[in-house]
Amino acid sequence: MVKKLMILVLLITSLLGYLEWGGNHKMFLFQVESELLVKLFHDPLAVLHPFTILPLLGQVLLAIAFFRPQKWLILGGIACIGVLMLLILTIGILGLNWKSGLSSLPFLIVSALLLRQIFKTSPTG
């Protein structure tokens, strides 16, 4: 039950990343994701990029893992979303943008706690 709750929290925190870029552009990941999903059905080639496809794939894997918690689904989901969250953290640190940097920490912290839970309770999967 704890594992399922942590997977749900991971899904929620994966949407809370905050992005700021050039001029006055800023969005949370859930806003970006909603735009991407709309564009995906109208012009799929416009959204084909590793930093758009990987996090979406990670969220799908975590959503499946919520109902069937298997180690490889959880690890794959964390890895796919974690790439983007680590990039946001790095950009936040290097650009001295504390809002972006801090927005990725909830996902990264919950990921670390869930990984600890997984490897502590079931080393074989």
N, C-alpha and C. Protein backbone atom coordinates (compact mmCIF):
# COMPACT_ATOMS: atom_id res chain seq x y z
N MET A 1 0.82 -1.20 0.00
CA MET A 1 0.00 0.00 0.00
C MET A 1 0.86 1.26 0.00
N VAL A 2 1.95 1.23 0.75
CA VAL A 2 2.86 2.38 0.80
C VAL A 2 3.47 2.62 -0.57
N LYS A 3 3.81 1.53 -1.25
CA LYS A 3 4.41 1.64 -2.58
C LYS A 3 3.44 2.29 -3.56
N LYS A 4 2.17 1.91 -3.51
CA LYS A 4 1.18 2.50 -4.41
C LYS A 4 0.99 3.99 -4.12
N LEU A 5 0.98 4.35 -2.86
CA LEU A 5 0.84 5.75 -2.49
C LEU A 5 2.03 6.56 -3.00
N MET A 6 3.22 5.99 -2.87
CA MET A 6 4.41 6.69 -3.34
C MET A 6 4.41 6.83 -4.87
N ILE A 7 3.90 5.83 -5.57
CA ILE A 7 3.80 5.92 -7.03
C ILE A 7 2.83 7.03 -7.41
N LEU A 8 1.71 7.12 -6.70
CA LEU A 8 0.74 8.19 -6.96
C LEU A 8 1.36 9.56 -6.71
N VAL A 9 2.11 9.70 -5.62
CA VAL A 9 2.78 10.96 -5.32
C VAL A 9 3.82 11.28 -6.40
N LEU A 10 4.51 10.26 -6.90
CA LEU A 10 5.46 10.47 -7.99
C LEU A 10 4.76 11.01 -9.24
N LEU A 11 3.63 10.44 -9.56
CA LEU A 11 2.88 10.92 -10.73
C LEU A 11 2.48 12.39 -10.56
N ILE A 12 2.04 12.74 -9.37
CA ILE A 12 1.62 14.12 -9.11
C ILE A 12 2.82 15.06 -9.15
N THR A 13 3.91 14.68 -8.48
CA THR A 13 5.08 15.56 -8.44
C THR A 13 5.77 15.67 -9.79
N SER A 14 5.55 14.69 -10.67
CA SER A 14 6.15 14.79 -12.01
C SER A 14 5.51 15.92 -12.82
N LEU A 15 4.36 16.36 -12.41
CA LEU A 15 3.67 17.44 -13.11
C LEU A 15 3.99 18.82 -12.54
N LEU A 16 4.76 18.88 -11.46
CA LEU A 16 4.99 20.15 -10.77
C LEU A 16 6.28 20.85 -11.15
N GLY A 17 7.04 20.27 -12.08
CA GLY A 17 8.26 20.95 -12.51
C GLY A 17 7.92 22.32 -13.09
N TYR A 18 8.78 23.29 -12.84
CA TYR A 18 8.52 24.67 -13.26
C TYR A 18 9.61 25.09 -14.24
N LEU A 19 9.21 25.63 -15.37
CA LEU A 19 10.15 26.05 -16.40
C LEU A 19 10.02 27.54 -16.65
N GLU A 20 11.16 28.21 -16.81
CA GLU A 20 11.20 29.61 -17.22
C GLU A 20 12.20 29.72 -18.35
N TRP A 21 11.86 30.46 -19.39
CA TRP A 21 12.80 30.64 -20.48
C TRP A 21 12.55 31.98 -21.14
N GLY A 22 13.53 32.45 -21.85
CA GLY A 22 13.56 33.71 -22.59
C GLY A 22 12.39 34.65 -22.40
N GLY A 23 12.68 35.86 -22.07
CA GLY A 23 11.63 36.85 -21.91
C GLY A 23 10.79 36.58 -20.68
N ASN A 24 9.49 36.47 -20.89
CA ASN A 24 8.57 36.29 -19.78
C ASN A 24 7.79 34.98 -19.92
N HIS A 25 8.44 33.94 -20.41
CA HIS A 25 7.79 32.65 -20.60
C HIS A 25 8.01 31.77 -19.39
N LYS A 26 6.94 31.25 -18.84
CA LYS A 26 7.03 30.34 -17.70
C LYS A 26 5.81 29.43 -17.69
N MET A 27 6.06 28.17 -17.34
CA MET A 27 4.98 27.18 -17.30
C MET A 27 5.35 26.06 -16.34
N PHE A 28 4.32 25.45 -15.77
CA PHE A 28 4.51 24.21 -15.04
C PHE A 28 4.45 23.06 -16.05
N LEU A 29 5.00 21.93 -15.67
CA LEU A 29 5.02 20.79 -16.59
C LEU A 29 3.62 20.31 -16.95
N PHE A 30 2.65 20.42 -16.03
CA PHE A 30 1.30 19.98 -16.38
C PHE A 30 0.71 20.86 -17.48
N GLN A 31 1.09 22.15 -17.52
CA GLN A 31 0.62 23.03 -18.59
C GLN A 31 1.28 22.66 -19.92
N VAL A 32 2.58 22.41 -19.86
CA VAL A 32 3.31 22.01 -21.06
C VAL A 32 2.75 20.69 -21.58
N GLU A 33 2.52 19.77 -20.66
CA GLU A 33 2.03 18.45 -21.06
C GLU A 33 0.65 18.51 -21.70
N SER A 34 -0.22 19.36 -21.18
CA SER A 34 -1.55 19.48 -21.79
C SER A 34 -1.45 20.02 -23.22
N GLU A 35 -0.55 20.99 -23.44
CA GLU A 35 -0.35 21.50 -24.80
C GLU A 35 0.23 20.43 -25.71
N LEU A 36 1.16 19.64 -25.18
CA LEU A 36 1.78 18.58 -25.98
C LEU A 36 0.76 17.51 -26.37
N LEU A 37 -0.11 17.16 -25.45
CA LEU A 37 -1.12 16.15 -25.76
C LEU A 37 -2.09 16.63 -26.83
N VAL A 38 -2.43 17.91 -26.80
CA VAL A 38 -3.30 18.46 -27.84
C VAL A 38 -2.58 18.43 -29.19
N LYS A 39 -1.31 18.86 -29.18
CA LYS A 39 -0.54 18.87 -30.43
C LYS A 39 -0.26 17.46 -30.93
N LEU A 40 -0.16 16.51 -30.03
CA LEU A 40 0.15 15.13 -30.41
C LEU A 40 -0.91 14.57 -31.36
N PHE A 41 -2.15 14.94 -31.16
CA PHE A 41 -3.22 14.43 -32.00
C PHE A 41 -3.38 15.22 -33.30
N HIS A 42 -2.92 16.48 -33.32
CA HIS A 42 -3.05 17.30 -34.52
C HIS A 42 -1.81 17.23 -35.40
N ASP A 43 -0.63 17.28 -34.79
CA ASP A 43 0.63 17.26 -35.53
C ASP A 43 1.66 16.46 -34.74
N PRO A 44 1.62 15.13 -34.84
CA PRO A 44 2.49 14.29 -34.01
C PRO A 44 3.98 14.54 -34.20
N LEU A 45 4.40 14.89 -35.41
CA LEU A 45 5.82 15.11 -35.66
C LEU A 45 6.35 16.35 -34.94
N ALA A 46 5.47 17.29 -34.61
CA ALA A 46 5.89 18.51 -33.93
C ALA A 46 6.31 18.26 -32.49
N VAL A 47 5.84 17.18 -31.90
CA VAL A 47 6.16 16.92 -30.49
C VAL A 47 7.15 15.78 -30.30
N LEU A 48 7.65 15.22 -31.39
CA LEU A 48 8.61 14.12 -31.27
C LEU A 48 9.99 14.66 -30.91
N HIS A 49 10.28 14.60 -29.64
CA HIS A 49 11.57 15.01 -29.10
C HIS A 49 11.80 14.19 -27.85
N PRO A 50 13.04 13.79 -27.58
CA PRO A 50 13.29 12.95 -26.40
C PRO A 50 12.80 13.56 -25.08
N PHE A 51 12.89 14.89 -24.96
CA PHE A 51 12.47 15.50 -23.70
C PHE A 51 10.96 15.69 -23.61
N THR A 52 10.23 15.34 -24.64
CA THR A 52 8.78 15.31 -24.55
C THR A 52 8.26 13.88 -24.46
N ILE A 53 8.86 13.00 -25.23
CA ILE A 53 8.39 11.61 -25.27
C ILE A 53 8.79 10.84 -24.00
N LEU A 54 10.03 11.01 -23.54
CA LEU A 54 10.49 10.25 -22.37
C LEU A 54 9.65 10.50 -21.12
N PRO A 55 9.41 11.76 -20.73
CA PRO A 55 8.58 11.97 -19.54
C PRO A 55 7.15 11.43 -19.70
N LEU A 56 6.58 11.57 -20.89
CA LEU A 56 5.24 11.01 -21.11
C LEU A 56 5.26 9.49 -20.97
N LEU A 57 6.28 8.86 -21.53
CA LEU A 57 6.43 7.41 -21.40
C LEU A 57 6.60 7.03 -19.92
N GLY A 58 7.39 7.82 -19.20
CA GLY A 58 7.59 7.57 -17.77
C GLY A 58 6.30 7.65 -16.98
N GLN A 59 5.46 8.62 -17.31
CA GLN A 59 4.19 8.73 -16.61
C GLN A 59 3.26 7.57 -16.94
N VAL A 60 3.30 7.11 -18.17
CA VAL A 60 2.50 5.93 -18.54
C VAL A 60 2.98 4.71 -17.76
N LEU A 61 4.30 4.54 -17.68
CA LEU A 61 4.85 3.40 -16.93
C LEU A 61 4.46 3.47 -15.46
N LEU A 62 4.53 4.67 -14.86
CA LEU A 62 4.14 4.81 -13.45
C LEU A 62 2.65 4.59 -13.26
N ALA A 63 1.84 5.02 -14.22
CA ALA A 63 0.39 4.79 -14.12
C ALA A 63 0.08 3.30 -14.16
N ILE A 64 0.77 2.57 -15.02
CA ILE A 64 0.60 1.12 -15.06
C ILE A 64 1.10 0.50 -13.76
N ALA A 65 2.23 1.00 -13.27
CA ALA A 65 2.81 0.47 -12.03
C ALA A 65 1.91 0.73 -10.83
N PHE A 66 1.08 1.75 -10.90
CA PHE A 66 0.15 2.01 -9.80
C PHE A 66 -0.80 0.84 -9.63
N PHE A 67 -1.23 0.25 -10.73
CA PHE A 67 -2.16 -0.88 -10.66
C PHE A 67 -1.44 -2.23 -10.58
N ARG A 68 -0.26 -2.32 -11.15
CA ARG A 68 0.54 -3.55 -11.11
C ARG A 68 1.97 -3.18 -10.72
N PRO A 69 2.24 -2.97 -9.44
CA PRO A 69 3.57 -2.49 -9.02
C PRO A 69 4.67 -3.52 -9.28
N GLN A 70 5.32 -3.38 -10.40
CA GLN A 70 6.46 -4.22 -10.72
C GLN A 70 7.71 -3.34 -10.74
N LYS A 71 8.80 -3.93 -10.30
CA LYS A 71 10.03 -3.17 -10.15
C LYS A 71 10.46 -2.51 -11.46
N TRP A 72 10.42 -3.24 -12.56
CA TRP A 72 10.92 -2.68 -13.82
C TRP A 72 10.05 -1.53 -14.32
N LEU A 73 8.75 -1.56 -14.05
CA LEU A 73 7.88 -0.45 -14.44
C LEU A 73 8.21 0.81 -13.64
N ILE A 74 8.41 0.62 -12.35
CA ILE A 74 8.73 1.76 -11.48
C ILE A 74 10.08 2.34 -11.85
N LEU A 75 11.08 1.48 -12.02
CA LEU A 75 12.42 1.96 -12.37
C LEU A 75 12.41 2.67 -13.72
N GLY A 76 11.71 2.11 -14.69
CA GLY A 76 11.62 2.74 -16.01
C GLY A 76 10.93 4.09 -15.95
N GLY A 77 9.85 4.17 -15.19
CA GLY A 77 9.13 5.43 -15.05
C GLY A 77 9.97 6.50 -14.37
N ILE A 78 10.65 6.11 -13.30
CA ILE A 78 11.52 7.06 -12.60
C ILE A 78 12.65 7.51 -13.50
N ALA A 79 13.24 6.59 -14.25
CA ALA A 79 14.35 6.94 -15.13
C ALA A 79 13.91 7.91 -16.23
N CYS A 80 12.78 7.63 -16.84
CA CYS A 80 12.30 8.48 -17.94
C CYS A 80 11.97 9.89 -17.47
N ILE A 81 11.28 10.00 -16.36
CA ILE A 81 10.93 11.33 -15.84
C ILE A 81 12.13 11.97 -15.17
N GLY A 82 12.96 11.15 -14.52
CA GLY A 82 14.12 11.66 -13.80
C GLY A 82 15.10 12.40 -14.68
N VAL A 83 15.23 11.99 -15.94
CA VAL A 83 16.13 12.69 -16.86
C VAL A 83 15.72 14.15 -16.97
N LEU A 84 14.44 14.39 -17.17
CA LEU A 84 13.95 15.77 -17.29
C LEU A 84 14.07 16.52 -15.96
N MET A 85 13.72 15.86 -14.87
CA MET A 85 13.78 16.54 -13.56
C MET A 85 15.22 16.89 -13.17
N LEU A 86 16.15 16.01 -13.48
CA LEU A 86 17.56 16.32 -13.20
C LEU A 86 18.05 17.47 -14.08
N LEU A 87 17.57 17.52 -15.31
CA LEU A 87 17.92 18.63 -16.19
C LEU A 87 17.35 19.94 -15.65
N ILE A 88 16.11 19.92 -15.19
CA ILE A 88 15.51 21.12 -14.61
C ILE A 88 16.28 21.56 -13.37
N LEU A 89 16.67 20.60 -12.53
CA LEU A 89 17.46 20.93 -11.34
C LEU A 89 18.79 21.55 -11.73
N THR A 90 19.47 20.96 -12.70
CA THR A 90 20.77 21.47 -13.15
C THR A 90 20.64 22.87 -13.72
N ILE A 91 19.64 23.09 -14.55
CA ILE A 91 19.43 24.43 -15.12
C ILE A 91 19.08 25.43 -14.03
N GLY A 92 18.29 25.00 -13.06
CA GLY A 92 17.94 25.88 -11.95
C GLY A 92 19.16 26.28 -11.13
N ILE A 93 20.07 25.33 -10.92
CA ILE A 93 21.29 25.63 -10.15
C ILE A 93 22.23 26.51 -10.96
N LEU A 94 22.48 26.13 -12.22
CA LEU A 94 23.42 26.89 -13.04
C LEU A 94 22.90 28.28 -13.38
N GLY A 95 21.60 28.41 -13.59
CA GLY A 95 21.02 29.70 -13.93
C GLY A 95 20.59 30.51 -12.72
N LEU A 96 20.87 29.99 -11.53
CA LEU A 96 20.47 30.64 -10.28
C LEU A 96 18.96 30.93 -10.25
N ASN A 97 18.21 30.01 -10.78
CA ASN A 97 16.75 30.12 -10.80
C ASN A 97 16.20 29.16 -9.75
N TRP A 98 16.01 29.66 -8.55
CA TRP A 98 15.64 28.78 -7.44
C TRP A 98 14.26 28.17 -7.61
N LYS A 99 13.34 28.86 -8.30
CA LYS A 99 12.00 28.29 -8.49
C LYS A 99 12.06 27.01 -9.33
N SER A 100 12.79 27.06 -10.41
CA SER A 100 12.92 25.86 -11.26
C SER A 100 13.65 24.75 -10.53
N GLY A 101 14.75 25.10 -9.89
CA GLY A 101 15.53 24.09 -9.18
C GLY A 101 14.74 23.40 -8.08
N LEU A 102 14.03 24.19 -7.29
CA LEU A 102 13.25 23.62 -6.19
C LEU A 102 12.04 22.83 -6.67
N SER A 103 11.51 23.17 -7.84
CA SER A 103 10.32 22.47 -8.32
C SER A 103 10.59 21.01 -8.66
N SER A 104 11.83 20.68 -8.93
CA SER A 104 12.16 19.28 -9.28
C SER A 104 12.46 18.44 -8.04
N LEU A 105 12.72 19.07 -6.92
CA LEU A 105 13.11 18.32 -5.72
C LEU A 105 12.04 17.38 -5.18
N PRO A 106 10.76 17.74 -5.15
CA PRO A 106 9.78 16.77 -4.63
C PRO A 106 9.81 15.44 -5.39
N PHE A 107 9.88 15.49 -6.71
CA PHE A 107 9.94 14.26 -7.49
C PHE A 107 11.21 13.48 -7.16
N LEU A 108 12.33 14.17 -7.11
CA LEU A 108 13.61 13.48 -6.87
C LEU A 108 13.66 12.87 -5.47
N ILE A 109 13.11 13.56 -4.49
CA ILE A 109 13.12 13.04 -3.12
C ILE A 109 12.20 11.82 -3.00
N VAL A 110 11.00 11.92 -3.54
CA VAL A 110 10.07 10.79 -3.48
C VAL A 110 10.63 9.60 -4.27
N SER A 111 11.30 9.88 -5.38
CA SER A 111 11.94 8.80 -6.15
C SER A 111 12.98 8.08 -5.32
N ALA A 112 13.80 8.85 -4.62
CA ALA A 112 14.83 8.24 -3.78
C ALA A 112 14.20 7.39 -2.67
N LEU A 113 13.14 7.90 -2.06
CA LEU A 113 12.46 7.14 -1.01
C LEU A 113 11.83 5.86 -1.55
N LEU A 114 11.22 5.95 -2.72
CA LEU A 114 10.59 4.78 -3.32
C LEU A 114 11.64 3.75 -3.74
N LEU A 115 12.74 4.20 -4.30
CA LEU A 115 13.82 3.27 -4.67
C LEU A 115 14.37 2.58 -3.44
N ARG A 116 14.50 3.32 -2.36
CA ARG A 116 14.96 2.72 -1.10
C ARG A 116 13.97 1.66 -0.63
N GLN A 117 12.69 1.96 -0.72
CA GLN A 117 11.64 1.02 -0.33
C GLN A 117 11.68 -0.23 -1.21
N ILE A 118 11.83 -0.06 -2.50
CA ILE A 118 11.85 -1.19 -3.43
C ILE A 118 13.02 -2.11 -3.15
N PHE A 119 14.20 -1.55 -3.04
CA PHE A 119 15.39 -2.38 -2.88
C PHE A 119 15.54 -2.93 -1.47
N LYS A 120 14.86 -2.31 -0.51
CA LYS A 120 14.90 -2.83 0.86
C LYS A 120 13.97 -4.02 1.01
N THR A 121 12.79 -3.96 0.36
CA THR A 121 11.79 -5.00 0.59
C THR A 121 11.87 -6.16 -0.40
N SER A 122 12.21 -5.88 -1.65
CA SER A 122 12.23 -6.98 -2.63
C SER A 122 13.45 -6.88 -3.54
N PRO A 123 14.55 -7.47 -3.15
CA PRO A 123 15.75 -7.36 -3.97
C PRO A 123 15.65 -8.05 -5.32
N THR A 124 14.73 -8.99 -5.49
CA THR A 124 14.64 -9.70 -6.76
C THR A 124 13.55 -9.17 -7.68
N GLY A 125 12.63 -8.39 -7.19
CA GLY A 125 11.59 -7.81 -8.04
C GLY A 125 10.33 -8.56 -7.96
